[in-house]
C-alpha cells in the first residue's frame, strides 16, 4: 500500500523556492529519496501562485 502526501509550501519574497533549493543543495532530498520504501519525493512550482511550491512525497 502506498501513501501519497501533498504539502504546499507558501512563502513571500521567494522563500518557498529558497527552502526547496536549500533542501536540494544540502542533499537532504537525495537522502530522503534513498530511504527504503520511498517511491517519490518531488517539488513542483505553481504557475498560478508563484510563491507556492507543491511537494509530493
PDB file of N, CA and C in Angstrom:
ATOM      1  N   UNK A   1       0.847  -1.171   0.000  1.00  0.00           N
ATOM      2  CA  UNK A   1       0.000   0.000   0.000  1.00  0.00           C
ATOM      3  C   UNK A   1       0.898   1.241   0.000  1.00  0.00           C
ATOM      4  N   UNK A   2       0.531   2.210  -0.805  1.00  0.00           N
ATOM      5  CA  UNK A   2       1.277   3.468  -0.884  1.00  0.00           C
ATOM      6  C   UNK A   2       0.489   4.593  -0.231  1.00  0.00           C
ATOM      7  N   UNK A   3       1.215   5.502   0.353  1.00  0.00           N
ATOM      8  CA  UNK A   3       0.634   6.702   0.935  1.00  0.00           C
ATOM      9  C   UNK A   3       1.250   7.884   0.208  1.00  0.00           C
ATOM     10  N   UNK A   4       0.411   8.737  -0.363  1.00  0.00           N
ATOM     11  CA  UNK A   4       0.893   9.917  -1.076  1.00  0.00           C
ATOM     12  C   UNK A   4       0.520  11.148  -0.265  1.00  0.00           C
ATOM     13  N   UNK A   5       1.506  11.994  -0.016  1.00  0.00           N
ATOM     14  CA  UNK A   5       1.283  13.206   0.769  1.00  0.00           C
ATOM     15  C   UNK A   5       1.574  14.413  -0.110  1.00  0.00           C
ATOM     16  N   UNK A   6       0.638  15.349  -0.138  1.00  0.00           N
ATOM     17  CA  UNK A   6       0.826  16.614  -0.855  1.00  0.00           C
ATOM     18  C   UNK A   6       1.013  17.712   0.182  1.00  0.00           C
ATOM     19  N   UNK A   7       2.118  18.415   0.085  1.00  0.00           N
ATOM     20  CA  UNK A   7       2.397  19.516   1.007  1.00  0.00           C
ATOM     21  C   UNK A   7       2.626  20.772   0.186  1.00  0.00           C
ATOM     22  N   UNK A   8       1.896  21.825   0.535  1.00  0.00           N
ATOM     23  CA  UNK A   8       2.071  23.107  -0.136  1.00  0.00           C
ATOM     24  C   UNK A   8       2.920  24.017   0.744  1.00  0.00           C
ATOM     25  N   UNK A   9       4.057  24.432   0.221  1.00  0.00           N
ATOM     26  CA  UNK A   9       4.889  25.415   0.899  1.00  0.00           C
ATOM     27  C   UNK A   9       4.536  26.771   0.320  1.00  0.00           C
ATOM     28  N   UNK A  10       4.105  27.682   1.184  1.00  0.00           N
ATOM     29  CA  UNK A  10       3.749  29.022   0.747  1.00  0.00           C
ATOM     30  C   UNK A  10       4.631  30.022   1.472  1.00  0.00           C
ATOM     31  N   UNK A  11       5.170  30.951   0.733  1.00  0.00           N
ATOM     32  CA  UNK A  11       6.045  31.934   1.343  1.00  0.00           C
ATOM     33  C   UNK A  11       5.885  33.289   0.695  1.00  0.00           C
ATOM     34  N   UNK A  12       6.749  34.167   1.051  1.00  0.00           N
ATOM     35  CA  UNK A  12       6.784  35.507   0.472  1.00  0.00           C
ATOM     36  C   UNK A  12       8.215  35.796   0.060  1.00  0.00           C
ATOM     37  N   UNK A  13       8.353  36.602  -0.970  1.00  0.00           N
ATOM     38  CA  UNK A  13       9.678  37.049  -1.423  1.00  0.00           C
ATOM     39  C   UNK A  13      10.585  35.877  -1.820  1.00  0.00           C
ATOM     40  N   UNK A  14       9.978  34.826  -2.395  1.00  0.00           N
ATOM     41  CA  UNK A  14      10.765  33.693  -2.877  1.00  0.00           C
ATOM     42  C   UNK A  14      11.220  32.717  -1.817  1.00  0.00           C
ATOM     43  N   UNK A  15      10.715  32.832  -0.599  1.00  0.00           N
ATOM     44  CA  UNK A  15      11.192  31.975   0.490  1.00  0.00           C
ATOM     45  C   UNK A  15      10.841  30.501   0.299  1.00  0.00           C
ATOM     46  N   UNK A  16       9.701  30.197  -0.310  1.00  0.00           N
ATOM     47  CA  UNK A  16       9.344  28.790  -0.542  1.00  0.00           C
ATOM     48  C   UNK A  16      10.348  28.156  -1.504  1.00  0.00           C
ATOM     49  N   UNK A  17      10.685  28.870  -2.562  1.00  0.00           N
ATOM     50  CA  UNK A  17      11.673  28.357  -3.525  1.00  0.00           C
ATOM     51  C   UNK A  17      13.050  28.247  -2.868  1.00  0.00           C
ATOM     52  N   UNK A  18      13.416  29.215  -2.054  1.00  0.00           N
ATOM     53  CA  UNK A  18      14.703  29.155  -1.355  1.00  0.00           C
ATOM     54  C   UNK A  18      14.774  27.920  -0.462  1.00  0.00           C
ATOM     55  N   UNK A  19      13.652  27.615   0.214  1.00  0.00           N
ATOM     56  CA  UNK A  19      13.600  26.434   1.067  1.00  0.00           C
ATOM     57  C   UNK A  19      13.850  25.176   0.243  1.00  0.00           C
ATOM     58  N   UNK A  20      13.128  25.022  -0.884  1.00  0.00           N
ATOM     59  CA  UNK A  20      13.294  23.842  -1.729  1.00  0.00           C
ATOM     60  C   UNK A  20      14.715  23.773  -2.288  1.00  0.00           C
ATOM     61  N   UNK A  21      15.246  24.900  -2.729  1.00  0.00           N
ATOM     62  CA  UNK A  21      16.612  24.922  -3.255  1.00  0.00           C
ATOM     63  C   UNK A  21      17.622  24.492  -2.202  1.00  0.00           C
ATOM     64  N   UNK A  22      17.419  24.918  -0.963  1.00  0.00           N
ATOM     65  CA  UNK A  22      18.335  24.530   0.115  1.00  0.00           C
ATOM     66  C   UNK A  22      18.221  23.043   0.421  1.00  0.00           C
ATOM     67  N   UNK A  23      16.996  22.518   0.406  1.00  0.00           N
ATOM     68  CA  UNK A  23      16.811  21.076   0.630  1.00  0.00           C
ATOM     69  C   UNK A  23      17.558  20.270  -0.427  1.00  0.00           C
ATOM     70  N   UNK A  24      17.546  20.763  -1.660  1.00  0.00           N
ATOM     71  CA  UNK A  24      18.235  20.075  -2.752  1.00  0.00           C
ATOM     72  C   UNK A  24      19.747  20.247  -2.630  1.00  0.00           C
ATOM     73  N   UNK A  25      20.209  21.470  -2.417  1.00  0.00           N
ATOM     74  CA  UNK A  25      21.652  21.737  -2.383  1.00  0.00           C
ATOM     75  C   UNK A  25      22.348  21.066  -1.198  1.00  0.00           C
ATOM     76  N   UNK A  26      21.639  20.914  -0.089  1.00  0.00           N
ATOM     77  CA  UNK A  26      22.232  20.250   1.081  1.00  0.00           C
ATOM     78  C   UNK A  26      22.108  18.730   1.003  1.00  0.00           C
ATOM     79  N   UNK A  27      21.571  18.250  -0.124  1.00  0.00           N
ATOM     80  CA  UNK A  27      21.418  16.819  -0.408  1.00  0.00           C
ATOM     81  C   UNK A  27      20.456  16.111   0.544  1.00  0.00           C
ATOM     82  N   UNK A  28      19.591  16.876   1.179  1.00  0.00           N
ATOM     83  CA  UNK A  28      18.568  16.285   2.044  1.00  0.00           C
ATOM     84  C   UNK A  28      17.551  15.543   1.191  1.00  0.00           C
ATOM     85  N   UNK A  29      17.193  16.119   0.042  1.00  0.00           N
ATOM     86  CA  UNK A  29      16.241  15.469  -0.861  1.00  0.00           C
ATOM     87  C   UNK A  29      16.806  14.131  -1.335  1.00  0.00           C
ATOM     88  N   UNK A  30      18.072  14.107  -1.665  1.00  0.00           N
ATOM     89  CA  UNK A  30      18.719  12.873  -2.109  1.00  0.00           C
ATOM     90  C   UNK A  30      18.641  11.794  -1.030  1.00  0.00           C
ATOM     91  N   UNK A  31      18.878  12.182   0.215  1.00  0.00           N
ATOM     92  CA  UNK A  31      18.807  11.229   1.331  1.00  0.00           C
ATOM     93  C   UNK A  31      17.394  10.684   1.485  1.00  0.00           C
ATOM     94  N   UNK A  32      16.405  11.565   1.374  1.00  0.00           N
ATOM     95  CA  UNK A  32      15.009  11.142   1.516  1.00  0.00           C
ATOM     96  C   UNK A  32      14.632  10.184   0.393  1.00  0.00           C
ATOM     97  N   UNK A  33      15.036  10.513  -0.832  1.00  0.00           N
ATOM     98  CA  UNK A  33      14.718   9.645  -1.969  1.00  0.00           C
ATOM     99  C   UNK A  33      15.343   8.269  -1.832  1.00  0.00           C
ATOM    100  N   UNK A  34      16.463   8.166  -1.134  1.00  0.00           N
ATOM    101  CA  UNK A  34      17.160   6.893  -0.975  1.00  0.00           C
ATOM    102  C   UNK A  34      16.658   6.065   0.206  1.00  0.00           C
ATOM    103  N   UNK A  35      15.702   6.574   0.974  1.00  0.00           N
ATOM    104  CA  UNK A  35      15.162   5.812   2.091  1.00  0.00           C
ATOM    105  C   UNK A  35      14.368   4.618   1.577  1.00  0.00           C
ATOM    106  N   UNK A  36      14.453   3.501   2.291  1.00  0.00           N
ATOM    107  CA  UNK A  36      13.688   2.311   1.922  1.00  0.00           C
ATOM    108  C   UNK A  36      12.202   2.633   1.838  1.00  0.00           C
ATOM    109  N   UNK A  37      11.590   2.205   0.764  1.00  0.00           N
ATOM    110  CA  UNK A  37      10.145   2.379   0.597  1.00  0.00           C
ATOM    111  C   UNK A  37       9.739   3.697  -0.028  1.00  0.00           C
ATOM    112  N   UNK A  38      10.665   4.626  -0.164  1.00  0.00           N
ATOM    113  CA  UNK A  38      10.296   5.910  -0.759  1.00  0.00           C
ATOM    114  C   UNK A  38      10.103   5.732  -2.257  1.00  0.00           C
ATOM    115  N   UNK A  39       8.942   6.126  -2.745  1.00  0.00           N
ATOM    116  CA  UNK A  39       8.632   5.979  -4.158  1.00  0.00           C
ATOM    117  C   UNK A  39       8.726   7.303  -4.913  1.00  0.00           C
ATOM    118  N   UNK A  40       8.516   8.412  -4.218  1.00  0.00           N
ATOM    119  CA  UNK A  40       8.566   9.713  -4.892  1.00  0.00           C
ATOM    120  C   UNK A  40       8.791  10.813  -3.862  1.00  0.00           C
ATOM    121  N   UNK A  41       9.577  11.796  -4.258  1.00  0.00           N
ATOM    122  CA  UNK A  41       9.787  13.000  -3.466  1.00  0.00           C
ATOM    123  C   UNK A  41      10.156  14.077  -4.472  1.00  0.00           C
ATOM    124  N   UNK A  42       9.184  14.869  -4.869  1.00  0.00           N
ATOM    125  CA  UNK A  42       9.377  15.841  -5.943  1.00  0.00           C
ATOM    126  C   UNK A  42       8.750  17.180  -5.577  1.00  0.00           C
ATOM    127  N   UNK A  43       9.418  18.252  -5.998  1.00  0.00           N
ATOM    128  CA  UNK A  43       8.894  19.599  -5.848  1.00  0.00           C
ATOM    129  C   UNK A  43       8.321  20.070  -7.182  1.00  0.00           C
ATOM    130  N   UNK A  44       7.217  20.816  -7.121  1.00  0.00           N
ATOM    131  CA  UNK A  44       6.599  21.397  -8.309  1.00  0.00           C
ATOM    132  C   UNK A  44       6.300  22.862  -8.040  1.00  0.00           C
ATOM    133  N   UNK A  45       6.581  23.693  -9.028  1.00  0.00           N
ATOM    134  CA  UNK A  45       6.317  25.122  -8.917  1.00  0.00           C
ATOM    135  C   UNK A  45       4.976  25.445  -9.549  1.00  0.00           C
ATOM    136  N   UNK A  46       4.200  26.283  -8.905  1.00  0.00           N
ATOM    137  CA  UNK A  46       2.884  26.672  -9.387  1.00  0.00           C
ATOM    138  C   UNK A  46       2.981  27.829 -10.373  1.00  0.00           C
ATOM    139  N   UNK A  47       2.327  27.681 -11.512  1.00  0.00           N
ATOM    140  CA  UNK A  47       2.256  28.789 -12.466  1.00  0.00           C
ATOM    141  C   UNK A  47       1.271  29.851 -12.005  1.00  0.00           C
ATOM    142  N   UNK A  48       0.232  29.434 -11.291  1.00  0.00           N
ATOM    143  CA  UNK A  48      -0.799  30.358 -10.837  1.00  0.00           C
ATOM    144  C   UNK A  48      -0.442  31.076  -9.543  1.00  0.00           C
ATOM    145  N   UNK A  49       0.405  30.455  -8.740  1.00  0.00           N
ATOM    146  CA  UNK A  49       0.782  31.016  -7.438  1.00  0.00           C
ATOM    147  C   UNK A  49       2.304  30.920  -7.299  1.00  0.00           C
ATOM    148  N   UNK A  50       3.038  31.900  -7.806  1.00  0.00           N
ATOM    149  CA  UNK A  50       4.498  31.809  -7.849  1.00  0.00           C
ATOM    150  C   UNK A  50       5.187  31.717  -6.481  1.00  0.00           C
ATOM    151  N   UNK A  51       4.480  32.023  -5.423  1.00  0.00           N
ATOM    152  CA  UNK A  51       5.064  31.924  -4.074  1.00  0.00           C
ATOM    153  C   UNK A  51       4.717  30.596  -3.401  1.00  0.00           C
ATOM    154  N   UNK A  52       4.195  29.636  -4.206  1.00  0.00           N
ATOM    155  CA  UNK A  52       3.788  28.338  -3.653  1.00  0.00           C
ATOM    156  C   UNK A  52       4.527  27.214  -4.370  1.00  0.00           C
ATOM    157  N   UNK A  53       5.003  26.256  -3.590  1.00  0.00           N
ATOM    158  CA  UNK A  53       5.649  25.055  -4.125  1.00  0.00           C
ATOM    159  C   UNK A  53       4.909  23.856  -3.559  1.00  0.00           C
ATOM    160  N   UNK A  54       4.636  22.902  -4.427  1.00  0.00           N
ATOM    161  CA  UNK A  54       3.993  21.653  -4.021  1.00  0.00           C
ATOM    162  C   UNK A  54       5.062  20.583  -3.876  1.00  0.00           C
ATOM    163  N   UNK A  55       5.027  19.876  -2.766  1.00  0.00           N
ATOM    164  CA  UNK A  55       5.883  18.718  -2.541  1.00  0.00           C
ATOM    165  C   UNK A  55       5.000  17.489  -2.566  1.00  0.00           C
ATOM    166  N   UNK A  56       5.354  16.523  -3.402  1.00  0.00           N
ATOM    167  CA  UNK A  56       4.661  15.231  -3.397  1.00  0.00           C
ATOM    168  C   UNK A  56       5.638  14.213  -2.848  1.00  0.00           C
ATOM    169  N   UNK A  57       5.219  13.569  -1.769  1.00  0.00           N
ATOM    170  CA  UNK A  57       6.058  12.598  -1.081  1.00  0.00           C
ATOM    171  C   UNK A  57       5.296  11.300  -0.973  1.00  0.00           C
TER     172      UNK A  57
END
